[in-house]
Amino acid sequence: MDFYERALELCEETVTHCRWLHSNADVGLHMPKAQAYVMEQLRGYGLEPRPCGHDFHAAMLLTAAKP
């Protein structure tokens, strides 16, 4: 697999996740909107979600977790 090509294919999806997370930002350590979004995406990928955090990191993880 050409990882660079795959990253280019998934770039727009990563940006979409990042923009959603940024525009629906939670404040502080309690992040219910971001957590719900990430967990919903992971369930959509058929994965068992675990709590996680920050905008860009979460966006990258969502893209990386996609089958």
N, C-alpha and C. Protein backbone atom coordinates (compact mmCIF):
# COMPACT_ATOMS: atom_id res chain seq x y z
N MET A 1 0.84 -1.17 0.00
CA MET A 1 0.00 0.00 0.00
C MET A 1 0.89 1.24 0.00
N ASP A 2 0.54 2.20 -0.81
CA ASP A 2 1.23 3.49 -0.83
C ASP A 2 0.56 4.39 0.20
N PHE A 3 1.19 4.55 1.34
CA PHE A 3 0.59 5.29 2.45
C PHE A 3 0.37 6.76 2.12
N TYR A 4 1.24 7.33 1.34
CA TYR A 4 1.07 8.73 0.95
C TYR A 4 -0.19 8.89 0.10
N GLU A 5 -0.37 8.02 -0.87
CA GLU A 5 -1.57 8.08 -1.72
C GLU A 5 -2.84 7.87 -0.89
N ARG A 6 -2.79 6.92 0.06
CA ARG A 6 -3.94 6.67 0.93
C ARG A 6 -4.24 7.90 1.78
N ALA A 7 -3.20 8.56 2.28
CA ALA A 7 -3.39 9.77 3.08
C ALA A 7 -4.05 10.87 2.24
N LEU A 8 -3.63 10.99 1.00
CA LEU A 8 -4.26 11.97 0.10
C LEU A 8 -5.73 11.65 -0.12
N GLU A 9 -6.05 10.37 -0.26
CA GLU A 9 -7.45 9.94 -0.45
C GLU A 9 -8.31 10.31 0.76
N LEU A 10 -7.73 10.22 1.94
CA LEU A 10 -8.48 10.45 3.18
C LEU A 10 -8.38 11.88 3.70
N CYS A 11 -7.64 12.73 3.01
CA CYS A 11 -7.39 14.09 3.48
C CYS A 11 -8.70 14.86 3.71
N GLU A 12 -9.59 14.85 2.77
CA GLU A 12 -10.83 15.62 2.89
C GLU A 12 -11.68 15.13 4.06
N GLU A 13 -11.72 13.83 4.27
CA GLU A 13 -12.47 13.28 5.40
C GLU A 13 -11.86 13.73 6.73
N THR A 14 -10.54 13.74 6.80
CA THR A 14 -9.86 14.20 8.01
C THR A 14 -10.18 15.67 8.27
N VAL A 15 -10.16 16.48 7.23
CA VAL A 15 -10.50 17.90 7.36
C VAL A 15 -11.94 18.06 7.83
N THR A 16 -12.85 17.25 7.29
CA THR A 16 -14.26 17.31 7.71
C THR A 16 -14.40 17.01 9.20
N HIS A 17 -13.74 15.96 9.66
CA HIS A 17 -13.78 15.64 11.09
C HIS A 17 -13.22 16.79 11.92
N CYS A 18 -12.08 17.32 11.50
CA CYS A 18 -11.44 18.39 12.24
C CYS A 18 -12.33 19.63 12.31
N ARG A 19 -12.96 19.96 11.19
CA ARG A 19 -13.84 21.14 11.17
C ARG A 19 -15.06 20.95 12.07
N TRP A 20 -15.63 19.75 12.05
CA TRP A 20 -16.78 19.49 12.93
C TRP A 20 -16.37 19.62 14.39
N LEU A 21 -15.28 18.97 14.74
CA LEU A 21 -14.81 19.01 16.12
C LEU A 21 -14.47 20.44 16.56
N HIS A 22 -13.86 21.20 15.67
CA HIS A 22 -13.49 22.57 16.00
C HIS A 22 -14.73 23.46 16.15
N SER A 23 -15.71 23.29 15.28
CA SER A 23 -16.91 24.14 15.34
C SER A 23 -17.88 23.72 16.44
N ASN A 24 -17.68 22.56 17.02
CA ASN A 24 -18.51 22.08 18.12
C ASN A 24 -17.65 21.86 19.36
N ALA A 25 -16.71 22.74 19.56
CA ALA A 25 -15.71 22.58 20.62
C ALA A 25 -16.33 22.60 22.01
N ASP A 26 -15.88 21.68 22.83
CA ASP A 26 -16.21 21.65 24.25
C ASP A 26 -15.09 22.39 24.99
N VAL A 27 -15.41 22.92 26.16
CA VAL A 27 -14.42 23.64 26.95
C VAL A 27 -14.07 22.82 28.18
N GLY A 28 -12.79 22.78 28.52
CA GLY A 28 -12.35 22.07 29.70
C GLY A 28 -12.05 20.60 29.42
N LEU A 29 -12.00 19.84 30.47
CA LEU A 29 -11.66 18.42 30.34
C LEU A 29 -12.88 17.55 30.05
N HIS A 30 -14.07 18.05 30.33
CA HIS A 30 -15.30 17.31 30.04
C HIS A 30 -15.72 17.68 28.62
N MET A 31 -15.72 16.73 27.71
CA MET A 31 -15.95 17.00 26.28
C MET A 31 -17.08 16.13 25.74
N PRO A 32 -18.32 16.34 26.17
CA PRO A 32 -19.40 15.45 25.78
C PRO A 32 -19.72 15.45 24.28
N LYS A 33 -19.66 16.62 23.62
CA LYS A 33 -19.97 16.66 22.19
C LYS A 33 -18.90 15.94 21.37
N ALA A 34 -17.65 16.24 21.67
CA ALA A 34 -16.55 15.60 20.93
C ALA A 34 -16.55 14.10 21.19
N GLN A 35 -16.76 13.72 22.44
CA GLN A 35 -16.78 12.29 22.77
C GLN A 35 -17.90 11.58 22.04
N ALA A 36 -19.10 12.17 22.02
CA ALA A 36 -20.24 11.55 21.33
C ALA A 36 -19.96 11.43 19.83
N TYR A 37 -19.37 12.47 19.23
CA TYR A 37 -19.05 12.45 17.80
C TYR A 37 -18.06 11.34 17.47
N VAL A 38 -16.99 11.28 18.23
CA VAL A 38 -15.96 10.27 17.98
C VAL A 38 -16.52 8.88 18.19
N MET A 39 -17.27 8.68 19.25
CA MET A 39 -17.84 7.36 19.53
C MET A 39 -18.82 6.94 18.43
N GLU A 40 -19.62 7.90 17.95
CA GLU A 40 -20.55 7.60 16.86
C GLU A 40 -19.82 7.18 15.59
N GLN A 41 -18.74 7.90 15.27
CA GLN A 41 -17.95 7.56 14.08
C GLN A 41 -17.32 6.18 14.22
N LEU A 42 -16.77 5.88 15.38
CA LEU A 42 -16.14 4.58 15.60
C LEU A 42 -17.16 3.45 15.50
N ARG A 43 -18.35 3.67 16.06
CA ARG A 43 -19.41 2.66 15.94
C ARG A 43 -19.77 2.44 14.47
N GLY A 44 -19.78 3.53 13.70
CA GLY A 44 -20.06 3.43 12.26
C GLY A 44 -19.02 2.61 11.54
N TYR A 45 -17.80 2.56 12.08
CA TYR A 45 -16.72 1.76 11.49
C TYR A 45 -16.73 0.33 12.04
N GLY A 46 -17.72 0.04 12.92
CA GLY A 46 -17.82 -1.30 13.50
C GLY A 46 -16.82 -1.54 14.62
N LEU A 47 -16.34 -0.47 15.26
CA LEU A 47 -15.37 -0.60 16.34
C LEU A 47 -16.01 -0.28 17.68
N GLU A 48 -15.44 -0.81 18.74
CA GLU A 48 -15.91 -0.52 20.10
C GLU A 48 -15.22 0.76 20.58
N PRO A 49 -16.00 1.84 20.75
CA PRO A 49 -15.37 3.12 21.12
C PRO A 49 -14.89 3.18 22.56
N ARG A 50 -13.86 4.01 22.75
CA ARG A 50 -13.32 4.33 24.07
C ARG A 50 -13.25 5.86 24.14
N PRO A 51 -13.38 6.43 25.32
CA PRO A 51 -13.31 7.90 25.43
C PRO A 51 -11.97 8.43 24.92
N CYS A 52 -12.00 9.59 24.21
CA CYS A 52 -10.76 10.24 23.74
C CYS A 52 -10.98 11.74 23.61
N GLY A 53 -9.97 12.45 23.09
CA GLY A 53 -9.91 13.88 23.30
C GLY A 53 -9.82 14.88 22.18
N HIS A 54 -8.73 15.48 21.95
CA HIS A 54 -8.51 16.74 21.25
C HIS A 54 -8.87 16.72 19.77
N ASP A 55 -9.29 17.88 19.23
CA ASP A 55 -9.80 18.03 17.86
C ASP A 55 -8.99 17.30 16.79
N PHE A 56 -7.79 17.79 16.56
CA PHE A 56 -7.03 17.26 15.43
C PHE A 56 -6.60 15.82 15.67
N HIS A 57 -6.23 15.52 16.90
CA HIS A 57 -5.84 14.15 17.21
C HIS A 57 -7.02 13.21 17.02
N ALA A 58 -8.19 13.62 17.46
CA ALA A 58 -9.39 12.80 17.28
C ALA A 58 -9.72 12.65 15.80
N ALA A 59 -9.57 13.72 15.04
CA ALA A 59 -9.84 13.65 13.60
C ALA A 59 -8.90 12.67 12.90
N MET A 60 -7.63 12.71 13.27
CA MET A 60 -6.67 11.76 12.67
C MET A 60 -6.99 10.33 13.08
N LEU A 61 -7.37 10.15 14.34
CA LEU A 61 -7.71 8.81 14.79
C LEU A 61 -8.93 8.26 14.08
N LEU A 62 -9.93 9.10 13.84
CA LEU A 62 -11.11 8.65 13.12
C LEU A 62 -10.75 8.19 11.72
N THR A 63 -9.89 8.95 11.06
CA THR A 63 -9.47 8.56 9.71
C THR A 63 -8.64 7.28 9.76
N ALA A 64 -7.74 7.17 10.72
CA ALA A 64 -6.90 5.99 10.83
C ALA A 64 -7.70 4.75 11.17
N ALA A 65 -8.79 4.90 11.90
CA ALA A 65 -9.60 3.77 12.33
C ALA A 65 -10.52 3.25 11.24
N LYS A 66 -10.72 4.04 10.21
CA LYS A 66 -11.64 3.65 9.13
C LYS A 66 -11.13 2.41 8.41
N PRO A 67 -11.99 1.40 8.28
CA PRO A 67 -11.56 0.17 7.60
C PRO A 67 -11.26 0.41 6.12
